[in-house]
Amino acid sequence: MSFATYYMHLIFGRIPSLISSDLIIYILPALTISILFFSLKIMFFKAPKLRKVK
């Protein structure tokens, strides 16, 4: 078992059973895709303008 899997078991083991395990399967990829989207948006569309070297 990797460290990431171990810590995910610790984190999600403490979440009450109100959230089913099937819901986590949909939340984690959506969270990952949204983080990637916002980071790419910041890198390419809101990047600071660089000055030209003389």
C-alpha atoms as a PDB file:
ATOM      1  CA  MET A   1       0.000   0.000   0.000  1.00  0.00           C
ATOM      2  CA  SER A   2       1.420   3.369  -0.983  1.00  0.00           C
ATOM      3  CA  PHE A   3       1.590   6.364   1.329  1.00  0.00           C
ATOM      4  CA  ALA A   4      -1.121   8.169  -0.662  1.00  0.00           C
ATOM      5  CA  THR A   5      -3.498   5.222  -0.336  1.00  0.00           C
ATOM      6  CA  TYR A   6      -2.752   4.943   3.370  1.00  0.00           C
ATOM      7  CA  TYR A   7      -3.469   8.602   4.029  1.00  0.00           C
ATOM      8  CA  MET A   8      -6.612   8.511   1.890  1.00  0.00           C
ATOM      9  CA  HIS A   9      -7.846   5.632   4.051  1.00  0.00           C
ATOM     10  CA  LEU A  10      -7.151   7.716   7.143  1.00  0.00           C
ATOM     11  CA  ILE A  11      -8.899  10.795   5.763  1.00  0.00           C
ATOM     12  CA  PHE A  12     -11.953   9.090   4.278  1.00  0.00           C
ATOM     13  CA  GLY A  13     -12.242   6.655   7.163  1.00  0.00           C
ATOM     14  CA  ARG A  14     -13.096   9.541   9.464  1.00  0.00           C
ATOM     15  CA  ILE A  15     -15.840  10.887   7.202  1.00  0.00           C
ATOM     16  CA  PRO A  16     -19.211   9.757   8.533  1.00  0.00           C
ATOM     17  CA  SER A  17     -21.214   7.254   6.561  1.00  0.00           C
ATOM     18  CA  LEU A  18     -23.511  10.044   5.340  1.00  0.00           C
ATOM     19  CA  ILE A  19     -21.287  10.227   2.284  1.00  0.00           C
ATOM     20  CA  SER A  20     -21.311   6.933   0.452  1.00  0.00           C
ATOM     21  CA  SER A  21     -18.138   5.507  -1.046  1.00  0.00           C
ATOM     22  CA  ASP A  22     -19.659   5.815  -4.530  1.00  0.00           C
ATOM     23  CA  LEU A  23     -19.844   9.573  -4.101  1.00  0.00           C
ATOM     24  CA  ILE A  24     -16.081   9.764  -3.486  1.00  0.00           C
ATOM     25  CA  ILE A  25     -15.491   8.091  -6.866  1.00  0.00           C
ATOM     26  CA  TYR A  26     -17.228  11.049  -8.529  1.00  0.00           C
ATOM     27  CA  ILE A  27     -15.874  13.823  -6.293  1.00  0.00           C
ATOM     28  CA  LEU A  28     -12.145  13.079  -6.549  1.00  0.00           C
ATOM     29  CA  PRO A  29     -11.881  13.144 -10.377  1.00  0.00           C
ATOM     30  CA  ALA A  30     -14.069  16.263 -10.531  1.00  0.00           C
ATOM     31  CA  LEU A  31     -11.881  17.952  -7.935  1.00  0.00           C
ATOM     32  CA  THR A  32      -8.725  16.940  -9.810  1.00  0.00           C
ATOM     33  CA  ILE A  33     -10.022  18.187 -13.159  1.00  0.00           C
ATOM     34  CA  SER A  34     -11.159  21.491 -11.663  1.00  0.00           C
ATOM     35  CA  ILE A  35      -7.739  22.067 -10.045  1.00  0.00           C
ATOM     36  CA  LEU A  36      -6.015  21.312 -13.364  1.00  0.00           C
ATOM     37  CA  PHE A  37      -8.389  23.603 -15.253  1.00  0.00           C
ATOM     38  CA  PHE A  38      -7.878  26.543 -12.913  1.00  0.00           C
ATOM     39  CA  SER A  39      -4.100  26.088 -12.827  1.00  0.00           C
ATOM     40  CA  LEU A  40      -3.913  25.984 -16.634  1.00  0.00           C
ATOM     41  CA  LYS A  41      -6.197  29.009 -16.834  1.00  0.00           C
ATOM     42  CA  ILE A  42      -3.910  30.959 -14.511  1.00  0.00           C
ATOM     43  CA  MET A  43      -0.754  29.835 -16.323  1.00  0.00           C
ATOM     44  CA  PHE A  44      -1.882  30.651 -19.857  1.00  0.00           C
ATOM     45  CA  PHE A  45      -4.569  33.318 -19.649  1.00  0.00           C
ATOM     46  CA  LYS A  46      -3.699  35.327 -16.547  1.00  0.00           C
ATOM     47  CA  ALA A  47       0.068  35.021 -16.770  1.00  0.00           C
ATOM     48  CA  PRO A  48       2.043  38.139 -15.867  1.00  0.00           C
ATOM     49  CA  LYS A  49       3.326  40.063 -18.858  1.00  0.00           C
ATOM     50  CA  LEU A  50       7.090  39.848 -19.181  1.00  0.00           C
ATOM     51  CA  ARG A  51       9.224  42.772 -20.283  1.00  0.00           C
ATOM     52  CA  LYS A  52      11.420  42.445 -23.341  1.00  0.00           C
ATOM     53  CA  VAL A  53      15.156  42.365 -22.760  1.00  0.00           C
ATOM     54  CA  LYS A  54      16.974  45.304 -24.417  1.00  0.00           C
END
